[in-house]
Amino acid sequence: MAKRLATYGRRFDAERFRAARIRAGLTVERLQNIIYPGAGKRYSIEGLEDGSKVPSPQMLMRFCQILKCQMDDIAPKLDRAGLAKQ
């Protein structure tokens, strides 16, 4: 399930996000610990992967840095018709 990130005219793709996390060799728990170290606030990686949540543009950029991927890898640009480019 893909949802829109209106700020950048991109569509977040949960399946691509999960694939990027796996390629980076990170578990859900490890990625959560990188984002919020220690026993503090938790970011819902599961929600991102099942498509029920969409990251903010700032978190999307942070995920790209952590996962060492391009923004197009997890949130492709939308064309004029509003469809994500493959």
PDB file of N, CA and C in Angstrom:
ATOM      1  N   MET A   1       0.852  -1.176   0.000  1.00  0.00           N
ATOM      2  CA  MET A   1       0.000   0.000   0.000  1.00  0.00           C
ATOM      3  C   MET A   1       0.900   1.241   0.000  1.00  0.00           C
ATOM      4  N   ALA A   2       0.717   2.095  -0.935  1.00  0.00           N
ATOM      5  CA  ALA A   2       1.540   3.292  -1.052  1.00  0.00           C
ATOM      6  C   ALA A   2       0.716   4.518  -0.680  1.00  0.00           C
ATOM      7  N   LYS A   3       1.350   5.450   0.002  1.00  0.00           N
ATOM      8  CA  LYS A   3       0.685   6.688   0.380  1.00  0.00           C
ATOM      9  C   LYS A   3       1.545   7.860  -0.068  1.00  0.00           C
ATOM     10  N   ARG A   4       0.948   9.007  -0.187  1.00  0.00           N
ATOM     11  CA  ARG A   4       1.611  10.178  -0.734  1.00  0.00           C
ATOM     12  C   ARG A   4       2.381  10.961   0.331  1.00  0.00           C
ATOM     13  N   LEU A   5       3.547  11.437  -0.054  1.00  0.00           N
ATOM     14  CA  LEU A   5       4.283  12.433   0.711  1.00  0.00           C
ATOM     15  C   LEU A   5       4.140  13.728  -0.077  1.00  0.00           C
ATOM     16  N   ALA A   6       3.173  14.529   0.276  1.00  0.00           N
ATOM     17  CA  ALA A   6       2.812  15.689  -0.533  1.00  0.00           C
ATOM     18  C   ALA A   6       3.957  16.692  -0.676  1.00  0.00           C
ATOM     19  N   THR A   7       4.787  16.830   0.341  1.00  0.00           N
ATOM     20  CA  THR A   7       5.843  17.828   0.315  1.00  0.00           C
ATOM     21  C   THR A   7       6.792  17.640  -0.853  1.00  0.00           C
ATOM     22  N   TYR A   8       7.161  16.421  -1.130  1.00  0.00           N
ATOM     23  CA  TYR A   8       8.128  16.153  -2.187  1.00  0.00           C
ATOM     24  C   TYR A   8       7.491  15.595  -3.446  1.00  0.00           C
ATOM     25  N   GLY A   9       6.189  15.432  -3.488  1.00  0.00           N
ATOM     26  CA  GLY A   9       5.545  14.847  -4.653  1.00  0.00           C
ATOM     27  C   GLY A   9       6.005  13.415  -4.871  1.00  0.00           C
ATOM     28  N   ARG A  10       6.106  12.674  -3.774  1.00  0.00           N
ATOM     29  CA  ARG A  10       6.574  11.294  -3.815  1.00  0.00           C
ATOM     30  C   ARG A  10       5.542  10.381  -3.181  1.00  0.00           C
ATOM     31  N   ARG A  11       5.651   9.101  -3.478  1.00  0.00           N
ATOM     32  CA  ARG A  11       4.758   8.114  -2.893  1.00  0.00           C
ATOM     33  C   ARG A  11       5.602   7.102  -2.129  1.00  0.00           C
ATOM     34  N   PHE A  12       5.404   7.026  -0.806  1.00  0.00           N
ATOM     35  CA  PHE A  12       6.134   6.070   0.025  1.00  0.00           C
ATOM     36  C   PHE A  12       5.667   4.663  -0.310  1.00  0.00           C
ATOM     37  N   ASP A  13       6.613   3.754  -0.505  1.00  0.00           N
ATOM     38  CA  ASP A  13       6.296   2.376  -0.865  1.00  0.00           C
ATOM     39  C   ASP A  13       6.794   1.453   0.250  1.00  0.00           C
ATOM     40  N   ALA A  14       5.868   0.859   0.988  1.00  0.00           N
ATOM     41  CA  ALA A  14       6.207   0.020   2.140  1.00  0.00           C
ATOM     42  C   ALA A  14       7.048  -1.191   1.745  1.00  0.00           C
ATOM     43  N   GLU A  15       6.745  -1.803   0.619  1.00  0.00           N
ATOM     44  CA  GLU A  15       7.509  -2.983   0.190  1.00  0.00           C
ATOM     45  C   GLU A  15       8.945  -2.614  -0.148  1.00  0.00           C
ATOM     46  N   ARG A  16       9.129  -1.485  -0.808  1.00  0.00           N
ATOM     47  CA  ARG A  16      10.487  -1.034  -1.131  1.00  0.00           C
ATOM     48  C   ARG A  16      11.251  -0.675   0.140  1.00  0.00           C
ATOM     49  N   PHE A  17      10.546  -0.078   1.110  1.00  0.00           N
ATOM     50  CA  PHE A  17      11.186   0.268   2.377  1.00  0.00           C
ATOM     51  C   PHE A  17      11.684  -0.996   3.080  1.00  0.00           C
ATOM     52  N   ARG A  18      10.844  -2.011   3.140  1.00  0.00           N
ATOM     53  CA  ARG A  18      11.223  -3.269   3.787  1.00  0.00           C
ATOM     54  C   ARG A  18      12.416  -3.899   3.073  1.00  0.00           C
ATOM     55  N   ALA A  19      12.398  -3.889   1.748  1.00  0.00           N
ATOM     56  CA  ALA A  19      13.509  -4.453   0.976  1.00  0.00           C
ATOM     57  C   ALA A  19      14.806  -3.689   1.243  1.00  0.00           C
ATOM     58  N   ALA A  20      14.732  -2.366   1.355  1.00  0.00           N
ATOM     59  CA  ALA A  20      15.924  -1.560   1.639  1.00  0.00           C
ATOM     60  C   ALA A  20      16.461  -1.866   3.033  1.00  0.00           C
ATOM     61  N   ARG A  21      15.561  -2.062   4.003  1.00  0.00           N
ATOM     62  CA  ARG A  21      15.999  -2.401   5.362  1.00  0.00           C
ATOM     63  C   ARG A  21      16.717  -3.744   5.364  1.00  0.00           C
ATOM     64  N   ILE A  22      16.175  -4.714   4.654  1.00  0.00           N
ATOM     65  CA  ILE A  22      16.782  -6.043   4.596  1.00  0.00           C
ATOM     66  C   ILE A  22      18.130  -5.972   3.882  1.00  0.00           C
ATOM     67  N   ARG A  23      18.207  -5.218   2.776  1.00  0.00           N
ATOM     68  CA  ARG A  23      19.486  -5.062   2.057  1.00  0.00           C
ATOM     69  C   ARG A  23      20.546  -4.441   2.953  1.00  0.00           C
ATOM     70  N   ALA A  24      20.123  -3.531   3.825  1.00  0.00           N
ATOM     71  CA  ALA A  24      21.060  -2.886   4.746  1.00  0.00           C
ATOM     72  C   ALA A  24      21.454  -3.813   5.891  1.00  0.00           C
ATOM     73  N   GLY A  25      20.791  -4.956   6.008  1.00  0.00           N
ATOM     74  CA  GLY A  25      21.126  -5.926   7.046  1.00  0.00           C
ATOM     75  C   GLY A  25      20.632  -5.543   8.427  1.00  0.00           C
ATOM     76  N   LEU A  26      19.557  -4.769   8.496  1.00  0.00           N
ATOM     77  CA  LEU A  26      19.025  -4.319   9.781  1.00  0.00           C
ATOM     78  C   LEU A  26      17.716  -5.021  10.101  1.00  0.00           C
ATOM     79  N   THR A  27      17.573  -5.417  11.361  1.00  0.00           N
ATOM     80  CA  THR A  27      16.293  -5.940  11.825  1.00  0.00           C
ATOM     81  C   THR A  27      15.410  -4.756  12.201  1.00  0.00           C
ATOM     82  N   VAL A  28      14.135  -5.012  12.387  1.00  0.00           N
ATOM     83  CA  VAL A  28      13.213  -3.955  12.811  1.00  0.00           C
ATOM     84  C   VAL A  28      13.678  -3.369  14.139  1.00  0.00           C
ATOM     85  N   GLU A  29      14.053  -4.228  15.080  1.00  0.00           N
ATOM     86  CA  GLU A  29      14.486  -3.769  16.401  1.00  0.00           C
ATOM     87  C   GLU A  29      15.745  -2.917  16.313  1.00  0.00           C
ATOM     88  N   ARG A  30      16.702  -3.325  15.483  1.00  0.00           N
ATOM     89  CA  ARG A  30      17.955  -2.580  15.348  1.00  0.00           C
ATOM     90  C   ARG A  30      17.691  -1.205  14.735  1.00  0.00           C
ATOM     91  N   LEU A  31      16.837  -1.144  13.729  1.00  0.00           N
ATOM     92  CA  LEU A  31      16.508   0.137  13.107  1.00  0.00           C
ATOM     93  C   LEU A  31      15.809   1.055  14.109  1.00  0.00           C
ATOM     94  N   GLN A  32      14.922   0.506  14.932  1.00  0.00           N
ATOM     95  CA  GLN A  32      14.268   1.309  15.972  1.00  0.00           C
ATOM     96  C   GLN A  32      15.293   1.841  16.965  1.00  0.00           C
ATOM     97  N   ASN A  33      16.274   1.019  17.336  1.00  0.00           N
ATOM     98  CA  ASN A  33      17.300   1.456  18.286  1.00  0.00           C
ATOM     99  C   ASN A  33      18.210   2.524  17.692  1.00  0.00           C
ATOM    100  N   ILE A  34      18.434   2.492  16.391  1.00  0.00           N
ATOM    101  CA  ILE A  34      19.241   3.525  15.742  1.00  0.00           C
ATOM    102  C   ILE A  34      18.487   4.849  15.752  1.00  0.00           C
ATOM    103  N   ILE A  35      17.191   4.801  15.482  1.00  0.00           N
ATOM    104  CA  ILE A  35      16.396   6.028  15.420  1.00  0.00           C
ATOM    105  C   ILE A  35      16.193   6.629  16.809  1.00  0.00           C
ATOM    106  N   TYR A  36      15.833   5.811  17.768  1.00  0.00           N
ATOM    107  CA  TYR A  36      15.653   6.254  19.151  1.00  0.00           C
ATOM    108  C   TYR A  36      16.456   5.341  20.060  1.00  0.00           C
ATOM    109  N   PRO A  37      17.734   5.678  20.322  1.00  0.00           N
ATOM    110  CA  PRO A  37      18.567   4.821  21.172  1.00  0.00           C
ATOM    111  C   PRO A  37      18.009   4.722  22.590  1.00  0.00           C
ATOM    112  N   GLY A  38      18.226   3.575  23.197  1.00  0.00           N
ATOM    113  CA  GLY A  38      17.794   3.368  24.572  1.00  0.00           C
ATOM    114  C   GLY A  38      16.335   2.979  24.667  1.00  0.00           C
ATOM    115  N   ALA A  39      15.798   3.128  25.850  1.00  0.00           N
ATOM    116  CA  ALA A  39      14.427   2.680  26.116  1.00  0.00           C
ATOM    117  C   ALA A  39      13.449   3.845  26.044  1.00  0.00           C
ATOM    118  N   GLY A  40      13.664   4.729  25.113  1.00  0.00           N
ATOM    119  CA  GLY A  40      12.772   5.879  24.992  1.00  0.00           C
ATOM    120  C   GLY A  40      11.655   5.642  24.008  1.00  0.00           C
ATOM    121  N   LYS A  41      11.278   6.698  23.341  1.00  0.00           N
ATOM    122  CA  LYS A  41      10.196   6.663  22.361  1.00  0.00           C
ATOM    123  C   LYS A  41      10.530   5.677  21.238  1.00  0.00           C
ATOM    124  N   ARG A  42       9.529   4.995  20.738  1.00  0.00           N
ATOM    125  CA  ARG A  42       9.723   4.019  19.662  1.00  0.00           C
ATOM    126  C   ARG A  42       9.070   4.525  18.387  1.00  0.00           C
ATOM    127  N   TYR A  43       9.750   4.340  17.288  1.00  0.00           N
ATOM    128  CA  TYR A  43       9.200   4.686  15.977  1.00  0.00           C
ATOM    129  C   TYR A  43       8.634   3.411  15.388  1.00  0.00           C
ATOM    130  N   SER A  44       7.440   3.447  14.863  1.00  0.00           N
ATOM    131  CA  SER A  44       6.759   2.244  14.404  1.00  0.00           C
ATOM    132  C   SER A  44       7.255   1.795  13.027  1.00  0.00           C
ATOM    133  N   ILE A  45       8.322   1.000  13.027  1.00  0.00           N
ATOM    134  CA  ILE A  45       8.840   0.439  11.782  1.00  0.00           C
ATOM    135  C   ILE A  45       7.825  -0.555  11.218  1.00  0.00           C
ATOM    136  N   GLU A  46       7.174  -1.309  12.102  1.00  0.00           N
ATOM    137  CA  GLU A  46       6.152  -2.262  11.642  1.00  0.00           C
ATOM    138  C   GLU A  46       5.036  -1.538  10.900  1.00  0.00           C
ATOM    139  N   GLY A  47       4.637  -0.374  11.404  1.00  0.00           N
ATOM    140  CA  GLY A  47       3.593   0.412  10.754  1.00  0.00           C
ATOM    141  C   GLY A  47       4.006   0.886   9.369  1.00  0.00           C
ATOM    142  N   LEU A  48       5.289   1.213   9.217  1.00  0.00           N
ATOM    143  CA  LEU A  48       5.785   1.611   7.904  1.00  0.00           C
ATOM    144  C   LEU A  48       5.778   0.431   6.946  1.00  0.00           C
ATOM    145  N   GLU A  49       6.182  -0.733   7.452  1.00  0.00           N
ATOM    146  CA  GLU A  49       6.297  -1.907   6.589  1.00  0.00           C
ATOM    147  C   GLU A  49       4.947  -2.499   6.207  1.00  0.00           C
ATOM    148  N   ASP A  50       3.931  -2.330   7.045  1.00  0.00           N
ATOM    149  CA  ASP A  50       2.615  -2.863   6.658  1.00  0.00           C
ATOM    150  C   ASP A  50       1.771  -1.815   5.922  1.00  0.00           C
ATOM    151  N   GLY A  51       2.305  -0.620   5.773  1.00  0.00           N
ATOM    152  CA  GLY A  51       1.630   0.410   4.994  1.00  0.00           C
ATOM    153  C   GLY A  51       0.631   1.244   5.763  1.00  0.00           C
ATOM    154  N   SER A  52       0.510   1.045   7.070  1.00  0.00           N
ATOM    155  CA  SER A  52      -0.464   1.813   7.846  1.00  0.00           C
ATOM    156  C   SER A  52       0.066   3.187   8.253  1.00  0.00           C
ATOM    157  N   LYS A  53       1.371   3.406   8.156  1.00  0.00           N
ATOM    158  CA  LYS A  53       1.979   4.690   8.511  1.00  0.00           C
ATOM    159  C   LYS A  53       2.833   5.174   7.348  1.00  0.00           C
ATOM    160  N   VAL A  54       3.011   6.489   7.290  1.00  0.00           N
ATOM    161  CA  VAL A  54       3.871   7.108   6.287  1.00  0.00           C
ATOM    162  C   VAL A  54       4.854   8.002   7.030  1.00  0.00           C
ATOM    163  N   PRO A  55       6.148   7.927   6.702  1.00  0.00           N
ATOM    164  CA  PRO A  55       7.107   8.779   7.406  1.00  0.00           C
ATOM    165  C   PRO A  55       6.987  10.234   6.967  1.00  0.00           C
ATOM    166  N   SER A  56       7.374  11.127   7.858  1.00  0.00           N
ATOM    167  CA  SER A  56       7.437  12.538   7.484  1.00  0.00           C
ATOM    168  C   SER A  56       8.587  12.696   6.482  1.00  0.00           C
ATOM    169  N   PRO A  57       8.606  13.791   5.737  1.00  0.00           N
ATOM    170  CA  PRO A  57       9.721  13.999   4.808  1.00  0.00           C
ATOM    171  C   PRO A  57      11.080  13.992   5.507  1.00  0.00           C
ATOM    172  N   GLN A  58      11.145  14.523   6.728  1.00  0.00           N
ATOM    173  CA  GLN A  58      12.402  14.532   7.468  1.00  0.00           C
ATOM    174  C   GLN A  58      12.824  13.114   7.846  1.00  0.00           C
ATOM    175  N   MET A  59      11.876  12.302   8.291  1.00  0.00           N
ATOM    176  CA  MET A  59      12.202  10.915   8.642  1.00  0.00           C
ATOM    177  C   MET A  59      12.554  10.122   7.392  1.00  0.00           C
ATOM    178  N   LEU A  60      11.924  10.416   6.280  1.00  0.00           N
ATOM    179  CA  LEU A  60      12.251   9.733   5.035  1.00  0.00           C
ATOM    180  C   LEU A  60      13.715   9.983   4.671  1.00  0.00           C
ATOM    181  N   MET A  61      14.161  11.229   4.789  1.00  0.00           N
ATOM    182  CA  MET A  61      15.564  11.543   4.502  1.00  0.00           C
ATOM    183  C   MET A  61      16.490  10.829   5.480  1.00  0.00           C
ATOM    184  N   ARG A  62      16.096  10.766   6.739  1.00  0.00           N
ATOM    185  CA  ARG A  62      16.915  10.072   7.741  1.00  0.00           C
ATOM    186  C   ARG A  62      16.996   8.576   7.436  1.00  0.00           C
ATOM    187  N   PHE A  63      15.882   7.965   7.054  1.00  0.00           N
ATOM    188  CA  PHE A  63      15.903   6.546   6.686  1.00  0.00           C
ATOM    189  C   PHE A  63      16.837   6.315   5.507  1.00  0.00           C
ATOM    190  N   CYS A  64      16.824   7.227   4.537  1.00  0.00           N
ATOM    191  CA  CYS A  64      17.714   7.073   3.382  1.00  0.00           C
ATOM    192  C   CYS A  64      19.176   7.097   3.816  1.00  0.00           C
ATOM    193  N   GLN A  65      19.519   7.948   4.768  1.00  0.00           N
ATOM    194  CA  GLN A  65      20.887   7.989   5.281  1.00  0.00           C
ATOM    195  C   GLN A  65      21.233   6.700   6.008  1.00  0.00           C
ATOM    196  N   ILE A  66      20.348   6.233   6.865  1.00  0.00           N
ATOM    197  CA  ILE A  66      20.602   5.028   7.658  1.00  0.00           C
ATOM    198  C   ILE A  66      20.676   3.796   6.768  1.00  0.00           C
ATOM    199  N   LEU A  67      19.753   3.680   5.821  1.00  0.00           N
ATOM    200  CA  LEU A  67      19.688   2.502   4.954  1.00  0.00           C
ATOM    201  C   LEU A  67      20.631   2.598   3.760  1.00  0.00           C
ATOM    202  N   LYS A  68      21.320   3.745   3.643  1.00  0.00           N
ATOM    203  CA  LYS A  68      22.257   3.975   2.539  1.00  0.00           C
ATOM    204  C   LYS A  68      21.601   3.713   1.183  1.00  0.00           C
ATOM    205  N   CYS A  69      20.474   4.385   0.977  1.00  0.00           N
ATOM    206  CA  CYS A  69      19.751   4.246  -0.284  1.00  0.00           C
ATOM    207  C   CYS A  69      19.337   5.632  -0.767  1.00  0.00           C
ATOM    208  N   GLN A  70      18.876   5.695  -1.982  1.00  0.00           N
ATOM    209  CA  GLN A  70      18.376   6.937  -2.556  1.00  0.00           C
ATOM    210  C   GLN A  70      16.894   7.075  -2.217  1.00  0.00           C
ATOM    211  N   MET A  71      16.405   8.310  -2.194  1.00  0.00           N
ATOM    212  CA  MET A  71      14.999   8.525  -1.886  1.00  0.00           C
ATOM    213  C   MET A  71      14.099   7.823  -2.903  1.00  0.00           C
ATOM    214  N   ASP A  72      14.527   7.777  -4.164  1.00  0.00           N
ATOM    215  CA  ASP A  72      13.733   7.099  -5.197  1.00  0.00           C
ATOM    216  C   ASP A  72      13.588   5.606  -4.926  1.00  0.00           C
ATOM    217  N   ASP A  73      14.504   5.030  -4.140  1.00  0.00           N
ATOM    218  CA  ASP A  73      14.433   3.599  -3.832  1.00  0.00           C
ATOM    219  C   ASP A  73      13.232   3.258  -2.955  1.00  0.00           C
ATOM    220  N   ILE A  74      12.845   4.173  -2.063  1.00  0.00           N
ATOM    221  CA  ILE A  74      11.746   3.866  -1.144  1.00  0.00           C
ATOM    222  C   ILE A  74      10.537   4.783  -1.321  1.00  0.00           C
ATOM    223  N   ALA A  75      10.710   5.879  -2.045  1.00  0.00           N
ATOM    224  CA  ALA A  75       9.595   6.803  -2.288  1.00  0.00           C
ATOM    225  C   ALA A  75       9.744   7.400  -3.680  1.00  0.00           C
ATOM    226  N   PRO A  76       9.314   6.662  -4.709  1.00  0.00           N
ATOM    227  CA  PRO A  76       9.473   7.165  -6.077  1.00  0.00           C
ATOM    228  C   PRO A  76       8.671   8.440  -6.327  1.00  0.00           C
ATOM    229  N   LYS A  77       9.183   9.252  -7.248  1.00  0.00           N
ATOM    230  CA  LYS A  77       8.493  10.491  -7.620  1.00  0.00           C
ATOM    231  C   LYS A  77       7.189  10.170  -8.324  1.00  0.00           C
ATOM    232  N   LEU A  78       6.243  11.077  -8.174  1.00  0.00           N
ATOM    233  CA  LEU A  78       4.954  10.948  -8.858  1.00  0.00           C
ATOM    234  C   LEU A  78       5.024  11.689 -10.187  1.00  0.00           C
ATOM    235  N   ASP A  79       4.402  11.122 -11.208  1.00  0.00           N
ATOM    236  CA  ASP A  79       4.303  11.852 -12.471  1.00  0.00           C
ATOM    237  C   ASP A  79       3.096  12.787 -12.385  1.00  0.00           C
ATOM    238  N   ARG A  80       2.800  13.466 -13.433  1.00  0.00           N
ATOM    239  CA  ARG A  80       1.697  14.441 -13.412  1.00  0.00           C
ATOM    240  C   ARG A  80       0.339  13.811 -13.146  1.00  0.00           C
ATOM    241  N   ALA A  81       0.166  12.554 -13.489  1.00  0.00           N
ATOM    242  CA  ALA A  81      -1.112  11.871 -13.258  1.00  0.00           C
ATOM    243  C   ALA A  81      -1.228  11.368 -11.823  1.00  0.00           C
ATOM    244  N   GLY A  82      -0.162  11.529 -11.020  1.00  0.00           N
ATOM    245  CA  GLY A  82      -0.209  11.082  -9.632  1.00  0.00           C
ATOM    246  C   GLY A  82       0.187   9.634  -9.446  1.00  0.00           C
ATOM    247  N   LEU A  83       0.775   9.023 -10.470  1.00  0.00           N
ATOM    248  CA  LEU A  83       1.201   7.631 -10.369  1.00  0.00           C
ATOM    249  C   LEU A  83       2.699   7.579 -10.125  1.00  0.00           C
ATOM    250  N   ALA A  84       3.127   6.664  -9.259  1.00  0.00           N
ATOM    251  CA  ALA A  84       4.549   6.520  -8.960  1.00  0.00           C
ATOM    252  C   ALA A  84       5.273   5.953 -10.169  1.00  0.00           C
ATOM    253  N   LYS A  85       6.426   6.544 -10.476  1.00  0.00           N
ATOM    254  CA  LYS A  85       7.240   6.047 -11.586  1.00  0.00           C
ATOM    255  C   LYS A  85       7.991   4.814 -11.124  1.00  0.00           C
ATOM    256  N   GLN A  86       8.049   3.828 -11.976  1.00  0.00           N
ATOM    257  CA  GLN A  86       8.738   2.581 -11.602  1.00  0.00           C
ATOM    258  C   GLN A  86      10.167   2.600 -12.020  1.00  0.00           C
TER     259      GLN A  86
END
